[in-house]
Amino acid sequence: MANIGNLVDRTFREYLEPMDDIVSYTTLSNSDSISDSKVGLTTAGTSVTFNGDLLSVEEEDALDTGTIIEIGQELMICTDLNAVNNTITVTRAARGTTATEHEQGSLIKIAPPFPRKNVFDAVCDQIKNLYPTLFAVETKSIVAKVGYVPLSGSTDNHLIAPIKSISQNTNFSAGSDETGTVFSGVSCELIDLPNPFTYNDDNGESQTITYTNNGPNNVKAIQFYGVASGHTAFVTFKKKFVTPTEETDTLVTIGLEDEYEPIIMAGVAAHMLSGRDIPTATTDYITDQLSTSSFPVDSATRIRNSLLSYQTALIQQARKDLRARYPEPVSINNIVY
């Protein structure tokens, strides 16, 4: 399953690191002082052992004092180089990054022009900025009852509005669901409640819903109309995208569809290249990439503007698809029909 890390890698591969302009790199070797054979560098370690066979003499000399290297999303500052033992002494967690454990064989980039942490942050910003032009969609199975039904899923505070709601019933007044019957439309309303929110459940016991993630600071509840208590309704919601926190977060968890990946990559590339002197190899590479997507770049147009224009065209296409699949519902007195 695709995740945010795969999206970051694809952005490097397709935009930021053409094969003929890739930065100097080597790999992390295992340290004899670490018992776990998979671990190449602990969170507190300051001695980095690298594979010297992957570096030229000039590249190895570049690892001397003051050079910034990158492993994963962490930046480190070299303070000493032992060229005999292929070991660097480093200061960890440079420039606001976080010291983490790194496995043997991890890639070490030397003075990367586009730090991975920056690209990850740009991906997160692009995902947040997609709404309200684009939105995620989630369908929830909810049992109707008298009054409101609090929603306590881990990302339910990201819900914006119901798009459609149906229930499979033959007799709404009987309060029973039956399989194999026709789905009937149900009217419902999404309610914003304070966060945290305390209420009494069906057993009369006090319950509290609290959201502590980085989404909207409210609790959601839904109220049904014209359907008896006990019926199961399937409600499709418009939803804000969930901001990633780790590279392992899957696109499904975030609410992203696969066709949104090119939109995000183009925006990230435009953001990372803004205000920079772009090497000729990178310029030619990105021009070829856009031409492959039937979006040729005018030689007089800046790469950044071309990327943003390409992103806008992709967004418009995705928005048309959303409108076709999910027409805007009719709302009367705040009740969605």
C-alpha atoms as a PDB file:
ATOM      1  CA  MET A   1       0.000   0.000   0.000  1.00  0.00           C
ATOM      2  CA  ALA A   2       1.371   3.383  -1.016  1.00  0.00           C
ATOM      3  CA  ASN A   3       2.450   5.684   1.796  1.00  0.00           C
ATOM      4  CA  ILE A   4       3.805   9.210   2.217  1.00  0.00           C
ATOM      5  CA  GLY A   5       7.398   7.950   2.106  1.00  0.00           C
ATOM      6  CA  ASN A   6       6.753   6.479  -1.351  1.00  0.00           C
ATOM      7  CA  LEU A   7       5.349   9.847  -2.447  1.00  0.00           C
ATOM      8  CA  VAL A   8       8.472  11.656  -1.172  1.00  0.00           C
ATOM      9  CA  ASP A   9      10.692   9.156  -3.026  1.00  0.00           C
ATOM     10  CA  ARG A  10       8.687   9.606  -6.223  1.00  0.00           C
ATOM     11  CA  THR A  11       9.027  13.413  -5.966  1.00  0.00           C
ATOM     12  CA  PHE A  12      12.808  13.073  -5.753  1.00  0.00           C
ATOM     13  CA  ARG A  13      12.875  10.569  -8.598  1.00  0.00           C
ATOM     14  CA  GLU A  14      10.629  12.471 -11.010  1.00  0.00           C
ATOM     15  CA  TYR A  15      11.541  16.099 -10.213  1.00  0.00           C
ATOM     16  CA  LEU A  16      14.305  16.886  -7.759  1.00  0.00           C
ATOM     17  CA  GLU A  17      17.091  14.363  -8.442  1.00  0.00           C
ATOM     18  CA  PRO A  18      17.678  13.539 -12.118  1.00  0.00           C
ATOM     19  CA  MET A  19      20.051  10.607 -12.523  1.00  0.00           C
ATOM     20  CA  ASP A  20      22.770  12.769 -14.097  1.00  0.00           C
ATOM     21  CA  ASP A  21      22.658  15.345 -11.305  1.00  0.00           C
ATOM     22  CA  ILE A  22      22.305  13.178  -8.200  1.00  0.00           C
ATOM     23  CA  VAL A  23      24.144  14.266  -5.038  1.00  0.00           C
ATOM     24  CA  SER A  24      27.116  12.378  -3.597  1.00  0.00           C
ATOM     25  CA  TYR A  25      26.037   9.529  -1.361  1.00  0.00           C
ATOM     26  CA  THR A  26      27.189   6.442   0.480  1.00  0.00           C
ATOM     27  CA  THR A  27      25.562   4.017   2.926  1.00  0.00           C
ATOM     28  CA  LEU A  28      25.625   3.525   6.677  1.00  0.00           C
ATOM     29  CA  SER A  29      27.710   0.565   7.866  1.00  0.00           C
ATOM     30  CA  ASN A  30      27.112  -1.335  11.074  1.00  0.00           C
ATOM     31  CA  SER A  31      29.031  -0.349  14.210  1.00  0.00           C
ATOM     32  CA  ASP A  32      30.756  -3.057  16.277  1.00  0.00           C
ATOM     33  CA  SER A  33      29.489  -1.352  19.432  1.00  0.00           C
ATOM     34  CA  ILE A  34      25.846  -2.012  18.518  1.00  0.00           C
ATOM     35  CA  SER A  35      24.531  -5.478  19.352  1.00  0.00           C
ATOM     36  CA  ASP A  36      21.525  -5.362  17.023  1.00  0.00           C
ATOM     37  CA  SER A  37      22.838  -6.220  13.534  1.00  0.00           C
ATOM     38  CA  LYS A  38      20.082  -4.172  11.887  1.00  0.00           C
ATOM     39  CA  VAL A  39      20.985  -0.949  13.686  1.00  0.00           C
ATOM     40  CA  GLY A  40      23.698   1.181  12.143  1.00  0.00           C
ATOM     41  CA  LEU A  41      23.302   4.245  14.367  1.00  0.00           C
ATOM     42  CA  THR A  42      21.453   4.626  17.659  1.00  0.00           C
ATOM     43  CA  THR A  43      19.532   7.740  18.652  1.00  0.00           C
ATOM     44  CA  ALA A  44      22.407   8.906  20.871  1.00  0.00           C
ATOM     45  CA  GLY A  45      25.302   7.753  18.666  1.00  0.00           C
ATOM     46  CA  THR A  46      27.770  10.342  17.344  1.00  0.00           C
ATOM     47  CA  SER A  47      30.063   8.072  15.308  1.00  0.00           C
ATOM     48  CA  VAL A  48      28.908   7.335  11.751  1.00  0.00           C
ATOM     49  CA  THR A  49      30.646   4.520   9.882  1.00  0.00           C
ATOM     50  CA  PHE A  50      30.173   4.723   6.100  1.00  0.00           C
ATOM     51  CA  ASN A  51      30.903   2.587   3.055  1.00  0.00           C
ATOM     52  CA  GLY A  52      34.032   4.156   1.567  1.00  0.00           C
ATOM     53  CA  ASP A  53      33.819   2.114  -1.654  1.00  0.00           C
ATOM     54  CA  LEU A  54      30.956   4.328  -2.897  1.00  0.00           C
ATOM     55  CA  LEU A  55      32.900   7.596  -2.632  1.00  0.00           C
ATOM     56  CA  SER A  56      35.694   9.095  -4.670  1.00  0.00           C
ATOM     57  CA  VAL A  57      38.697  10.591  -2.831  1.00  0.00           C
ATOM     58  CA  GLU A  58      37.292  14.102  -3.387  1.00  0.00           C
ATOM     59  CA  GLU A  59      33.850  13.103  -2.084  1.00  0.00           C
ATOM     60  CA  GLU A  60      35.368  11.473   1.003  1.00  0.00           C
ATOM     61  CA  ASP A  61      37.438  14.595   1.694  1.00  0.00           C
ATOM     62  CA  ALA A  62      34.197  16.622   1.488  1.00  0.00           C
ATOM     63  CA  LEU A  63      33.059  14.882   4.690  1.00  0.00           C
ATOM     64  CA  ASP A  64      35.495  16.916   6.750  1.00  0.00           C
ATOM     65  CA  THR A  65      34.513  19.378   9.500  1.00  0.00           C
ATOM     66  CA  GLY A  66      31.486  21.540   8.776  1.00  0.00           C
ATOM     67  CA  THR A  67      29.831  19.368   6.114  1.00  0.00           C
ATOM     68  CA  ILE A  68      26.139  18.569   6.557  1.00  0.00           C
ATOM     69  CA  ILE A  69      25.071  14.994   5.861  1.00  0.00           C
ATOM     70  CA  GLU A  70      21.594  13.481   5.829  1.00  0.00           C
ATOM     71  CA  ILE A  71      20.329  10.077   6.944  1.00  0.00           C
ATOM     72  CA  GLY A  72      16.580   9.622   6.570  1.00  0.00           C
ATOM     73  CA  GLN A  73      15.011  12.926   7.628  1.00  0.00           C
ATOM     74  CA  GLU A  74      17.827  13.759  10.045  1.00  0.00           C
ATOM     75  CA  LEU A  75      20.569  16.262   9.244  1.00  0.00           C
ATOM     76  CA  MET A  76      23.953  15.986  10.981  1.00  0.00           C
ATOM     77  CA  ILE A  77      27.042  18.202  11.061  1.00  0.00           C
ATOM     78  CA  CYS A  78      30.413  16.542  10.582  1.00  0.00           C
ATOM     79  CA  THR A  79      32.970  17.545  13.229  1.00  0.00           C
ATOM     80  CA  ASP A  80      35.759  15.093  12.422  1.00  0.00           C
ATOM     81  CA  LEU A  81      36.700  12.622   9.669  1.00  0.00           C
ATOM     82  CA  ASN A  82      38.755   9.437  10.057  1.00  0.00           C
ATOM     83  CA  ALA A  83      39.444   8.448   6.448  1.00  0.00           C
ATOM     84  CA  VAL A  84      41.321   5.296   7.520  1.00  0.00           C
ATOM     85  CA  ASN A  85      38.380   3.776   9.409  1.00  0.00           C
ATOM     86  CA  ASN A  86      35.692   5.404   7.243  1.00  0.00           C
ATOM     87  CA  THR A  87      34.173   7.042  10.304  1.00  0.00           C
ATOM     88  CA  ILE A  88      32.715  10.514  10.834  1.00  0.00           C
ATOM     89  CA  THR A  89      32.093  12.160  14.182  1.00  0.00           C
ATOM     90  CA  VAL A  90      28.852  14.143  13.957  1.00  0.00           C
ATOM     91  CA  THR A  91      26.580  16.516  15.832  1.00  0.00           C
ATOM     92  CA  ARG A  92      23.091  15.051  15.700  1.00  0.00           C
ATOM     93  CA  ALA A  93      19.700  16.644  14.924  1.00  0.00           C
ATOM     94  CA  ALA A  94      21.018  19.659  13.033  1.00  0.00           C
ATOM     95  CA  ARG A  95      18.797  22.490  11.743  1.00  0.00           C
ATOM     96  CA  GLY A  96      15.688  21.489  13.645  1.00  0.00           C
ATOM     97  CA  THR A  97      15.589  17.829  12.627  1.00  0.00           C
ATOM     98  CA  THR A  98      15.135  15.005  15.128  1.00  0.00           C
ATOM     99  CA  ALA A  99      17.704  12.392  16.138  1.00  0.00           C
ATOM    100  CA  THR A 100      16.349   8.925  15.322  1.00  0.00           C
ATOM    101  CA  GLU A 101      17.671   5.392  15.029  1.00  0.00           C
ATOM    102  CA  HIS A 102      18.955   4.448  11.560  1.00  0.00           C
ATOM    103  CA  GLU A 103      19.330   0.967  10.127  1.00  0.00           C
ATOM    104  CA  GLN A 104      22.459  -0.472   8.567  1.00  0.00           C
ATOM    105  CA  GLY A 105      22.518   0.273   4.840  1.00  0.00           C
ATOM    106  CA  SER A 106      20.609   3.551   5.173  1.00  0.00           C
ATOM    107  CA  LEU A 107      21.500   6.137   2.542  1.00  0.00           C
ATOM    108  CA  ILE A 108      23.879   8.924   3.583  1.00  0.00           C
ATOM    109  CA  LYS A 109      23.606  12.029   1.394  1.00  0.00           C
ATOM    110  CA  ILE A 110      26.402  14.583   1.430  1.00  0.00           C
ATOM    111  CA  ALA A 111      25.272  18.242   1.527  1.00  0.00           C
ATOM    112  CA  PRO A 112      21.827  17.512  -0.007  1.00  0.00           C
ATOM    113  CA  PRO A 113      20.339  20.542  -1.836  1.00  0.00           C
ATOM    114  CA  PHE A 114      16.816  19.303  -1.026  1.00  0.00           C
ATOM    115  CA  PRO A 115      16.728  17.824   2.506  1.00  0.00           C
ATOM    116  CA  ARG A 116      14.200  15.020   2.847  1.00  0.00           C
ATOM    117  CA  LYS A 117      12.617  16.693   5.899  1.00  0.00           C
ATOM    118  CA  ASN A 118      11.938  19.793   3.766  1.00  0.00           C
ATOM    119  CA  VAL A 119      10.323  17.693   1.041  1.00  0.00           C
ATOM    120  CA  PHE A 120       8.209  15.807   3.615  1.00  0.00           C
ATOM    121  CA  ASP A 121       7.029  19.113   5.140  1.00  0.00           C
ATOM    122  CA  ALA A 122       6.219  20.439   1.654  1.00  0.00           C
ATOM    123  CA  VAL A 123       4.168  17.306   0.942  1.00  0.00           C
ATOM    124  CA  CYS A 124       2.206  17.896   4.173  1.00  0.00           C
ATOM    125  CA  ASP A 125       1.588  21.541   3.209  1.00  0.00           C
ATOM    126  CA  GLN A 126       0.399  20.562  -0.264  1.00  0.00           C
ATOM    127  CA  ILE A 127      -2.029  18.004   1.177  1.00  0.00           C
ATOM    128  CA  LYS A 128      -3.504  20.573   3.582  1.00  0.00           C
ATOM    129  CA  ASN A 129      -3.838  23.151   0.799  1.00  0.00           C
ATOM    130  CA  LEU A 130      -5.847  20.813  -1.453  1.00  0.00           C
ATOM    131  CA  TYR A 131      -8.985  21.526   0.605  1.00  0.00           C
ATOM    132  CA  PRO A 132     -11.493  23.045  -0.144  1.00  0.00           C
ATOM    133  CA  THR A 133     -10.851  22.727  -3.899  1.00  0.00           C
ATOM    134  CA  LEU A 134     -10.483  18.966  -3.446  1.00  0.00           C
ATOM    135  CA  PHE A 135     -11.632  16.865  -0.523  1.00  0.00           C
ATOM    136  CA  ALA A 136     -11.505  13.354   0.859  1.00  0.00           C
ATOM    137  CA  VAL A 137     -14.587  11.127   0.991  1.00  0.00           C
ATOM    138  CA  GLU A 138     -15.505   8.650   3.729  1.00  0.00           C
ATOM    139  CA  THR A 139     -18.585   6.460   4.161  1.00  0.00           C
ATOM    140  CA  LYS A 140     -19.567   5.505   7.704  1.00  0.00           C
ATOM    141  CA  SER A 141     -22.112   2.988   8.970  1.00  0.00           C
ATOM    142  CA  ILE A 142     -24.143   4.698  11.730  1.00  0.00           C
ATOM    143  CA  VAL A 143     -27.096   3.385  13.747  1.00  0.00           C
ATOM    144  CA  ALA A 144     -29.803   6.039  14.058  1.00  0.00           C
ATOM    145  CA  LYS A 145     -31.252   6.821  17.460  1.00  0.00           C
ATOM    146  CA  VAL A 146     -33.369   9.472  19.128  1.00  0.00           C
ATOM    147  CA  GLY A 147     -31.443  12.760  19.178  1.00  0.00           C
ATOM    148  CA  TYR A 148     -27.865  13.004  17.982  1.00  0.00           C
ATOM    149  CA  VAL A 149     -25.207  10.304  17.486  1.00  0.00           C
ATOM    150  CA  PRO A 150     -21.701  11.427  18.604  1.00  0.00           C
ATOM    151  CA  LEU A 151     -18.908  10.414  16.228  1.00  0.00           C
ATOM    152  CA  SER A 152     -15.727   9.349  17.993  1.00  0.00           C
ATOM    153  CA  GLY A 153     -13.515   7.915  15.255  1.00  0.00           C
ATOM    154  CA  SER A 154      -9.857   8.955  15.357  1.00  0.00           C
ATOM    155  CA  THR A 155     -10.280  11.389  12.442  1.00  0.00           C
ATOM    156  CA  ASP A 156     -14.020  12.126  12.644  1.00  0.00           C
ATOM    157  CA  ASN A 157     -13.265  15.739  13.587  1.00  0.00           C
ATOM    158  CA  HIS A 158     -12.107  16.163   9.956  1.00  0.00           C
ATOM    159  CA  LEU A 159     -15.637  15.507   8.643  1.00  0.00           C
ATOM    160  CA  ILE A 160     -17.130  18.556   6.917  1.00  0.00           C
ATOM    161  CA  ALA A 161     -20.603  17.716   5.622  1.00  0.00           C
ATOM    162  CA  PRO A 162     -22.723  14.714   4.575  1.00  0.00           C
ATOM    163  CA  ILE A 163     -22.932  14.222   0.823  1.00  0.00           C
ATOM    164  CA  LYS A 164     -25.540  11.466   0.826  1.00  0.00           C
ATOM    165  CA  SER A 165     -27.202   9.153   3.323  1.00  0.00           C
ATOM    166  CA  ILE A 166     -29.132   5.947   2.660  1.00  0.00           C
ATOM    167  CA  SER A 167     -30.649   3.191   4.792  1.00  0.00           C
ATOM    168  CA  GLN A 168     -31.720  -0.327   3.784  1.00  0.00           C
ATOM    169  CA  ASN A 169     -35.217  -0.706   5.162  1.00  0.00           C
ATOM    170  CA  THR A 170     -38.729  -1.794   4.173  1.00  0.00           C
ATOM    171  CA  ASN A 171     -40.556  -0.201   7.067  1.00  0.00           C
ATOM    172  CA  PHE A 172     -39.045   2.895   8.693  1.00  0.00           C
ATOM    173  CA  SER A 173     -41.565   2.845  11.557  1.00  0.00           C
ATOM    174  CA  ALA A 174     -40.818  -0.757  12.510  1.00  0.00           C
ATOM    175  CA  GLY A 175     -37.249  -0.009  13.532  1.00  0.00           C
ATOM    176  CA  SER A 176     -35.715  -3.041  11.826  1.00  0.00           C
ATOM    177  CA  ASP A 177     -33.287  -3.450   8.933  1.00  0.00           C
ATOM    178  CA  GLU A 178     -33.748  -6.122   6.314  1.00  0.00           C
ATOM    179  CA  THR A 179     -31.190  -7.467   3.863  1.00  0.00           C
ATOM    180  CA  GLY A 180     -31.905  -7.584   0.156  1.00  0.00           C
ATOM    181  CA  THR A 181     -34.281  -4.648   0.046  1.00  0.00           C
ATOM    182  CA  VAL A 182     -34.053  -1.314  -1.725  1.00  0.00           C
ATOM    183  CA  PHE A 183     -31.956   1.432  -0.185  1.00  0.00           C
ATOM    184  CA  SER A 184     -33.939   4.513   0.828  1.00  0.00           C
ATOM    185  CA  GLY A 185     -32.638   8.050   1.219  1.00  0.00           C
ATOM    186  CA  VAL A 186     -32.299   9.450   4.740  1.00  0.00           C
ATOM    187  CA  SER A 187     -32.106  13.102   5.767  1.00  0.00           C
ATOM    188  CA  CYS A 188     -29.364  14.048   8.225  1.00  0.00           C
ATOM    189  CA  GLU A 189     -27.469  16.975   9.700  1.00  0.00           C
ATOM    190  CA  LEU A 190     -23.839  17.165  10.869  1.00  0.00           C
ATOM    191  CA  ILE A 191     -23.421  19.072  14.130  1.00  0.00           C
ATOM    192  CA  ASP A 192     -20.303  20.786  15.523  1.00  0.00           C
ATOM    193  CA  LEU A 193     -19.807  20.285  19.269  1.00  0.00           C
ATOM    194  CA  PRO A 194     -17.130  21.634  21.638  1.00  0.00           C
ATOM    195  CA  ASN A 195     -13.916  19.682  22.158  1.00  0.00           C
ATOM    196  CA  PRO A 196     -13.859  17.880  24.558  1.00  0.00           C
ATOM    197  CA  PHE A 197     -17.547  16.895  24.658  1.00  0.00           C
ATOM    198  CA  THR A 198     -19.233  15.003  27.515  1.00  0.00           C
ATOM    199  CA  TYR A 199     -22.560  13.179  27.095  1.00  0.00           C
ATOM    200  CA  ASN A 200     -24.568  10.286  28.548  1.00  0.00           C
ATOM    201  CA  ASP A 201     -24.621   7.076  26.496  1.00  0.00           C
ATOM    202  CA  ASP A 202     -27.586   4.685  26.050  1.00  0.00           C
ATOM    203  CA  ASN A 203     -26.833   3.139  29.450  1.00  0.00           C
ATOM    204  CA  GLY A 204     -26.887   6.518  31.163  1.00  0.00           C
ATOM    205  CA  GLU A 205     -23.124   6.490  31.744  1.00  0.00           C
ATOM    206  CA  SER A 206     -21.077   9.629  31.212  1.00  0.00           C
ATOM    207  CA  GLN A 207     -18.720   9.515  28.215  1.00  0.00           C
ATOM    208  CA  THR A 208     -16.217  12.107  26.970  1.00  0.00           C
ATOM    209  CA  ILE A 209     -14.872  12.512  23.434  1.00  0.00           C
ATOM    210  CA  THR A 210     -11.587  14.416  23.081  1.00  0.00           C
ATOM    211  CA  TYR A 211      -9.580  15.080  19.935  1.00  0.00           C
ATOM    212  CA  THR A 212      -5.899  15.793  20.421  1.00  0.00           C
ATOM    213  CA  ASN A 213      -4.676  15.381  16.820  1.00  0.00           C
ATOM    214  CA  ASN A 214      -3.776  18.294  14.565  1.00  0.00           C
ATOM    215  CA  GLY A 215      -7.175  18.493  12.902  1.00  0.00           C
ATOM    216  CA  PRO A 216     -10.169  20.773  13.564  1.00  0.00           C
ATOM    217  CA  ASN A 217     -10.761  21.481  17.254  1.00  0.00           C
ATOM    218  CA  ASN A 218     -14.317  20.202  17.532  1.00  0.00           C
ATOM    219  CA  VAL A 219     -16.357  17.057  18.058  1.00  0.00           C
ATOM    220  CA  LYS A 220     -18.828  15.911  15.405  1.00  0.00           C
ATOM    221  CA  ALA A 221     -22.291  14.417  15.846  1.00  0.00           C
ATOM    222  CA  ILE A 222     -24.980  13.500  13.343  1.00  0.00           C
ATOM    223  CA  GLN A 223     -28.731  13.800  13.679  1.00  0.00           C
ATOM    224  CA  PHE A 224     -31.176  11.873  11.471  1.00  0.00           C
ATOM    225  CA  TYR A 225     -34.657  12.879  10.328  1.00  0.00           C
ATOM    226  CA  GLY A 226     -37.463  10.668   9.021  1.00  0.00           C
ATOM    227  CA  VAL A 227     -35.954   7.361  10.116  1.00  0.00           C
ATOM    228  CA  ALA A 228     -36.782   5.392  13.241  1.00  0.00           C
ATOM    229  CA  SER A 229     -34.233   4.646  15.942  1.00  0.00           C
ATOM    230  CA  GLY A 230     -32.286   1.417  15.384  1.00  0.00           C
ATOM    231  CA  HIS A 231     -31.936   1.606  11.622  1.00  0.00           C
ATOM    232  CA  THR A 232     -28.449   1.485  10.106  1.00  0.00           C
ATOM    233  CA  ALA A 233     -27.662   4.367   7.782  1.00  0.00           C
ATOM    234  CA  PHE A 234     -24.722   4.570   5.415  1.00  0.00           C
ATOM    235  CA  VAL A 235     -23.591   8.195   5.344  1.00  0.00           C
ATOM    236  CA  THR A 236     -21.005   9.483   2.862  1.00  0.00           C
ATOM    237  CA  PHE A 237     -19.134  12.528   4.154  1.00  0.00           C
ATOM    238  CA  LYS A 238     -17.023  15.229   2.590  1.00  0.00           C
ATOM    239  CA  LYS A 239     -13.863  15.292   4.667  1.00  0.00           C
ATOM    240  CA  LYS A 240     -10.698  17.346   5.100  1.00  0.00           C
ATOM    241  CA  PHE A 241      -7.467  15.522   4.333  1.00  0.00           C
ATOM    242  CA  VAL A 242      -5.664  14.266   7.434  1.00  0.00           C
ATOM    243  CA  THR A 243      -2.215  15.849   7.767  1.00  0.00           C
ATOM    244  CA  PRO A 244       0.547  13.190   7.718  1.00  0.00           C
ATOM    245  CA  THR A 245       2.792  12.867  10.765  1.00  0.00           C
ATOM    246  CA  GLU A 246       5.068  10.047   9.578  1.00  0.00           C
ATOM    247  CA  GLU A 247       6.322   8.771   6.238  1.00  0.00           C
ATOM    248  CA  THR A 248       4.668   5.443   7.036  1.00  0.00           C
ATOM    249  CA  ASP A 249       1.181   7.032   6.973  1.00  0.00           C
ATOM    250  CA  THR A 250      -0.732   5.458   4.091  1.00  0.00           C
ATOM    251  CA  LEU A 251      -2.510   7.481   1.414  1.00  0.00           C
ATOM    252  CA  VAL A 252      -5.778   5.761   2.381  1.00  0.00           C
ATOM    253  CA  THR A 253      -5.409   6.966   5.991  1.00  0.00           C
ATOM    254  CA  ILE A 254      -4.794  10.515   4.763  1.00  0.00           C
ATOM    255  CA  GLY A 255      -7.779  10.331   2.406  1.00  0.00           C
ATOM    256  CA  LEU A 256      -5.736  10.746  -0.783  1.00  0.00           C
ATOM    257  CA  GLU A 257      -6.611   8.988  -4.001  1.00  0.00           C
ATOM    258  CA  ASP A 258      -3.826   7.762  -6.281  1.00  0.00           C
ATOM    259  CA  GLU A 259      -4.648  10.326  -8.976  1.00  0.00           C
ATOM    260  CA  TYR A 260      -3.830  13.141  -6.529  1.00  0.00           C
ATOM    261  CA  GLU A 261      -0.149  12.132  -6.358  1.00  0.00           C
ATOM    262  CA  PRO A 262       0.919  14.111  -9.485  1.00  0.00           C
ATOM    263  CA  ILE A 263      -0.869  17.183  -8.085  1.00  0.00           C
ATOM    264  CA  ILE A 264       1.103  17.029  -4.853  1.00  0.00           C
ATOM    265  CA  MET A 265       4.415  16.275  -6.560  1.00  0.00           C
ATOM    266  CA  ALA A 266       4.108  19.230  -8.945  1.00  0.00           C
ATOM    267  CA  GLY A 267       3.296  21.566  -6.032  1.00  0.00           C
ATOM    268  CA  VAL A 268       6.192  20.253  -3.950  1.00  0.00           C
ATOM    269  CA  ALA A 269       8.635  20.629  -6.847  1.00  0.00           C
ATOM    270  CA  ALA A 270       7.468  24.212  -7.458  1.00  0.00           C
ATOM    271  CA  HIS A 271       7.851  24.993  -3.744  1.00  0.00           C
ATOM    272  CA  MET A 272      11.332  23.451  -3.457  1.00  0.00           C
ATOM    273  CA  LEU A 273      12.644  25.075  -6.635  1.00  0.00           C
ATOM    274  CA  SER A 274      11.262  28.529  -5.846  1.00  0.00           C
ATOM    275  CA  GLY A 275      14.016  31.150  -5.643  1.00  0.00           C
ATOM    276  CA  ARG A 276      16.806  28.670  -6.419  1.00  0.00           C
ATOM    277  CA  ASP A 277      19.319  28.582  -9.238  1.00  0.00           C
ATOM    278  CA  ILE A 278      18.269  25.375 -10.947  1.00  0.00           C
ATOM    279  CA  PRO A 279      21.067  23.297 -12.533  1.00  0.00           C
ATOM    280  CA  THR A 280      20.761  22.818 -16.287  1.00  0.00           C
ATOM    281  CA  ALA A 281      20.426  19.054 -15.863  1.00  0.00           C
ATOM    282  CA  THR A 282      17.493  19.496 -13.474  1.00  0.00           C
ATOM    283  CA  THR A 283      15.831  22.062 -15.757  1.00  0.00           C
ATOM    284  CA  ASP A 284      16.052  19.748 -18.756  1.00  0.00           C
ATOM    285  CA  TYR A 285      14.852  16.798 -16.673  1.00  0.00           C
ATOM    286  CA  ILE A 286      11.723  18.576 -15.397  1.00  0.00           C
ATOM    287  CA  THR A 287      10.984  19.957 -18.874  1.00  0.00           C
ATOM    288  CA  ASP A 288      11.090  16.402 -20.238  1.00  0.00           C
ATOM    289  CA  GLN A 289       8.833  15.183 -17.408  1.00  0.00           C
ATOM    290  CA  LEU A 290       6.185  17.832 -18.144  1.00  0.00           C
ATOM    291  CA  SER A 291       6.394  17.171 -21.883  1.00  0.00           C
ATOM    292  CA  THR A 292       5.753  13.478 -21.204  1.00  0.00           C
ATOM    293  CA  SER A 293       2.558  14.548 -19.420  1.00  0.00           C
ATOM    294  CA  SER A 294       1.506  16.529 -22.533  1.00  0.00           C
ATOM    295  CA  PHE A 295       2.249  19.817 -20.796  1.00  0.00           C
ATOM    296  CA  PRO A 296       5.158  21.346 -22.748  1.00  0.00           C
ATOM    297  CA  VAL A 297       7.174  24.102 -21.101  1.00  0.00           C
ATOM    298  CA  ASP A 298       7.740  27.309 -23.006  1.00  0.00           C
ATOM    299  CA  SER A 299      11.450  28.104 -23.074  1.00  0.00           C
ATOM    300  CA  ALA A 300      10.644  31.627 -21.894  1.00  0.00           C
ATOM    301  CA  THR A 301       8.606  30.374 -18.922  1.00  0.00           C
ATOM    302  CA  ARG A 302      10.151  29.748 -15.544  1.00  0.00           C
ATOM    303  CA  ILE A 303      10.110  26.157 -14.351  1.00  0.00           C
ATOM    304  CA  ARG A 304       8.239  27.081 -11.170  1.00  0.00           C
ATOM    305  CA  ASN A 305       5.413  28.812 -13.052  1.00  0.00           C
ATOM    306  CA  SER A 306       5.127  25.885 -15.444  1.00  0.00           C
ATOM    307  CA  LEU A 307       4.880  23.453 -12.532  1.00  0.00           C
ATOM    308  CA  LEU A 308       2.154  25.542 -10.883  1.00  0.00           C
ATOM    309  CA  SER A 309       0.226  25.762 -14.172  1.00  0.00           C
ATOM    310  CA  TYR A 310       0.538  22.009 -14.575  1.00  0.00           C
ATOM    311  CA  GLN A 311      -0.689  21.498 -11.002  1.00  0.00           C
ATOM    312  CA  THR A 312      -3.685  23.801 -11.632  1.00  0.00           C
ATOM    313  CA  ALA A 313      -4.648  21.797 -14.728  1.00  0.00           C
ATOM    314  CA  LEU A 314      -4.485  18.542 -12.732  1.00  0.00           C
ATOM    315  CA  ILE A 315      -6.571  20.036  -9.903  1.00  0.00           C
ATOM    316  CA  GLN A 316      -9.277  21.175 -12.319  1.00  0.00           C
ATOM    317  CA  GLN A 317      -9.465  17.698 -13.799  1.00  0.00           C
ATOM    318  CA  ALA A 318      -9.690  16.078 -10.356  1.00  0.00           C
ATOM    319  CA  ARG A 319     -12.362  18.577  -9.279  1.00  0.00           C
ATOM    320  CA  LYS A 320     -14.526  17.720 -12.302  1.00  0.00           C
ATOM    321  CA  ASP A 321     -14.245  14.055 -11.375  1.00  0.00           C
ATOM    322  CA  LEU A 322     -15.334  14.760  -7.779  1.00  0.00           C
ATOM    323  CA  ARG A 323     -18.334  16.797  -8.953  1.00  0.00           C
ATOM    324  CA  ALA A 324     -19.379  14.016 -11.309  1.00  0.00           C
ATOM    325  CA  ARG A 325     -19.201  11.339  -8.608  1.00  0.00           C
ATOM    326  CA  TYR A 326     -20.568  13.397  -5.738  1.00  0.00           C
ATOM    327  CA  PRO A 327     -23.088  16.052  -6.833  1.00  0.00           C
ATOM    328  CA  GLU A 328     -23.761  18.760  -4.259  1.00  0.00           C
ATOM    329  CA  PRO A 329     -26.666  17.722  -1.971  1.00  0.00           C
ATOM    330  CA  VAL A 330     -29.700  19.895  -1.343  1.00  0.00           C
ATOM    331  CA  SER A 331     -29.798  21.587   2.082  1.00  0.00           C
ATOM    332  CA  ILE A 332     -33.019  22.973   3.556  1.00  0.00           C
ATOM    333  CA  ASN A 333     -32.907  24.503   7.059  1.00  0.00           C
ATOM    334  CA  ASN A 334     -29.460  22.952   7.570  1.00  0.00           C
ATOM    335  CA  ILE A 335     -30.836  19.475   6.845  1.00  0.00           C
ATOM    336  CA  VAL A 336     -29.188  17.645   3.943  1.00  0.00           C
ATOM    337  CA  TYR A 337     -31.488  15.796   1.529  1.00  0.00           C
END
